[in-house]
Amino acid sequence: MAEAKTTRNDESVAAFLAAVPDPKRRADAEAACTLMAEVTGAPPVMWGSSIIGFGAYHYRYATGREGDWPAVGLSPRKQALTLYVSAGFDGYQDLLARLGPHSTGKSCLYLKRLADIDQVVLKDLVGKAFQHLDGRTVISEHQ
């Protein structure tokens, strides 16, 4: 079975953020990192070369594949600031409706500008998503 490519490591979060080329995206990523650390109470940790994670959970699939992943995370991607909400968005429709301009993928929240988002709602969403998964083992029949 193949090893996961994105794993927790000891790379510097500060150095990663300082290297974000776009100054606005860098500032948004730094602010989001601070917000997520405050809300979760977990230190920011690099996962792979481009994801900052907070907390962790263990997953196990019916196929036998398993690994660890951040409970919540972020990455300052070129197109958008991406927040990883590993639990997905089921049950968060009310928060998403009040968040402000965004788009979502299966477990990704895409934000163009952090200033356009309701920070109180974002904190609530991050906090609930973190509490849902941090320190748990998730067993899935899929994949």
Protein backbone atom coordinates (compact mmCIF):
# COMPACT_ATOMS: atom_id res chain seq x y z
CA MET A 1 0.00 0.00 0.00
CA ALA A 2 1.35 3.44 -0.95
CA GLU A 3 2.49 5.87 1.70
CA ALA A 4 0.50 9.11 2.05
CA LYS A 5 2.26 12.04 0.38
CA THR A 6 0.82 14.68 2.68
CA THR A 7 2.04 13.99 6.20
CA ARG A 8 2.74 16.04 9.28
CA ASN A 9 6.30 17.42 9.35
CA ASP A 10 8.54 19.85 11.19
CA GLU A 11 8.83 22.47 8.44
CA SER A 12 8.35 26.08 9.54
CA VAL A 13 4.82 27.47 9.25
CA ALA A 14 6.18 31.03 9.51
CA ALA A 15 8.67 30.42 6.68
CA PHE A 16 5.95 28.88 4.52
CA LEU A 17 3.65 31.86 5.06
CA ALA A 18 6.48 34.36 4.50
CA ALA A 19 7.16 32.75 1.12
CA VAL A 20 3.61 33.31 -0.23
CA PRO A 21 4.33 35.59 -3.20
CA ASP A 22 1.11 37.63 -3.27
CA PRO A 23 1.12 40.11 -0.36
CA LYS A 24 -2.68 40.14 0.01
CA ARG A 25 -2.92 36.33 -0.04
CA ARG A 26 -0.01 36.18 2.47
CA ALA A 27 -1.76 38.62 4.82
CA ASP A 28 -5.04 36.67 4.56
CA ALA A 29 -3.21 33.38 5.21
CA GLU A 30 -1.41 34.80 8.24
CA ALA A 31 -4.69 36.18 9.64
CA ALA A 32 -6.52 32.90 8.98
CA CYS A 33 -3.69 30.95 10.64
CA THR A 34 -3.93 33.14 13.74
CA LEU A 35 -7.73 32.83 13.80
CA MET A 36 -7.61 29.04 13.46
CA ALA A 37 -4.94 28.67 16.17
CA GLU A 38 -7.02 30.80 18.56
CA VAL A 39 -10.27 28.96 17.85
CA THR A 40 -8.82 25.45 17.98
CA GLY A 41 -6.24 25.94 20.70
CA ALA A 42 -3.94 23.77 18.56
CA PRO A 43 -0.61 24.95 17.18
CA PRO A 44 -0.26 25.32 13.41
CA VAL A 45 1.76 22.48 11.89
CA MET A 46 2.87 21.88 8.31
CA TRP A 47 1.39 18.89 6.49
CA GLY A 48 3.24 18.18 3.28
CA SER A 49 4.66 21.24 1.57
CA SER A 50 1.56 23.44 1.36
CA ILE A 51 -1.03 22.73 4.07
CA ILE A 52 -1.08 24.19 7.57
CA GLY A 53 -3.03 21.87 9.84
CA PHE A 54 -4.57 22.16 13.29
CA GLY A 55 -5.16 19.02 15.33
CA ALA A 56 -5.48 15.65 13.64
CA TYR A 57 -7.69 12.64 13.21
CA HIS A 58 -7.05 9.11 12.05
CA TYR A 59 -8.99 7.62 9.14
CA ARG A 60 -9.42 4.00 8.16
CA TYR A 61 -11.13 2.71 5.02
CA ALA A 62 -12.67 -0.69 4.41
CA THR A 63 -9.87 -1.33 1.89
CA GLY A 64 -7.36 -1.22 4.75
CA ARG A 65 -5.96 2.15 3.72
CA GLU A 66 -5.47 4.42 6.71
CA GLY A 67 -3.64 7.52 7.79
CA ASP A 68 -3.76 10.80 9.63
CA TRP A 69 -5.04 14.16 8.44
CA PRO A 70 -5.56 17.60 10.02
CA ALA A 71 -8.92 18.15 11.69
CA VAL A 72 -8.94 21.58 10.00
CA GLY A 73 -6.33 23.26 7.86
CA LEU A 74 -5.55 25.98 5.38
CA SER A 75 -3.47 26.69 2.33
CA PRO A 76 -2.91 29.99 0.53
CA ARG A 77 -3.52 28.69 -2.99
CA LYS A 78 -3.08 30.96 -6.01
CA GLN A 79 -6.80 31.15 -6.84
CA ALA A 80 -8.18 31.34 -3.28
CA LEU A 81 -7.41 30.94 0.38
CA THR A 82 -8.44 27.32 0.94
CA LEU A 83 -9.66 26.11 4.33
CA TYR A 84 -9.85 22.36 4.80
CA VAL A 85 -12.88 21.32 6.80
CA SER A 86 -12.22 17.60 6.94
CA ALA A 87 -15.66 16.80 8.36
CA GLY A 88 -17.29 18.28 5.25
CA PHE A 89 -20.18 20.73 5.33
CA ASP A 90 -23.19 18.61 6.29
CA GLY A 91 -24.91 20.40 9.13
CA TYR A 92 -23.16 23.72 8.46
CA GLN A 93 -25.58 25.17 5.88
CA ASP A 94 -26.78 27.91 8.26
CA LEU A 95 -23.21 29.04 8.94
CA LEU A 96 -22.29 28.93 5.26
CA ALA A 97 -25.36 31.02 4.40
CA ARG A 98 -24.16 33.73 6.80
CA LEU A 99 -20.43 33.49 6.02
CA GLY A 100 -20.17 35.81 3.03
CA PRO A 101 -18.79 35.19 -0.46
CA HIS A 102 -17.26 31.72 -0.75
CA SER A 103 -17.44 28.46 -2.63
CA THR A 104 -17.03 24.90 -1.42
CA GLY A 105 -15.77 21.55 -2.61
CA LYS A 106 -16.25 18.25 -0.79
CA SER A 107 -14.28 19.42 2.24
CA CYS A 108 -12.72 22.66 1.00
CA LEU A 109 -13.89 26.18 1.67
CA TYR A 110 -12.59 28.68 -0.90
CA LEU A 111 -12.31 32.34 0.10
CA LYS A 112 -11.17 35.09 -2.26
CA ARG A 113 -10.69 37.72 0.46
CA LEU A 114 -10.79 37.20 4.19
CA ALA A 115 -12.04 40.78 4.72
CA ASP A 116 -15.27 39.91 2.88
CA ILE A 117 -16.10 37.09 5.31
CA ASP A 118 -17.98 37.34 8.60
CA GLN A 119 -15.16 36.51 11.04
CA VAL A 120 -17.53 35.47 13.84
CA VAL A 121 -19.22 32.95 11.55
CA LEU A 122 -15.85 31.69 10.29
CA LYS A 123 -14.68 31.15 13.88
CA ASP A 124 -17.85 29.23 14.68
CA LEU A 125 -17.47 27.03 11.58
CA VAL A 126 -13.79 26.29 12.23
CA GLY A 127 -14.43 25.58 15.92
CA LYS A 128 -17.29 23.18 15.27
CA ALA A 129 -15.45 21.37 12.48
CA PHE A 130 -12.36 21.02 14.69
CA GLN A 131 -14.34 19.64 17.64
CA HIS A 132 -16.10 17.18 15.34
CA LEU A 133 -12.87 15.40 14.34
CA ASP A 134 -9.85 16.28 16.47
CA GLY A 135 -8.37 13.22 18.15
CA ARG A 136 -10.90 10.79 16.66
CA THR A 137 -10.71 7.78 14.42
CA VAL A 138 -13.05 7.78 11.45
CA ILE A 139 -13.89 4.43 9.87
CA SER A 140 -15.44 4.55 6.42
CA GLU A 141 -16.81 1.87 4.15
CA HIS A 142 -15.85 3.94 1.12
CA GLN A 143 -12.62 4.23 -0.85
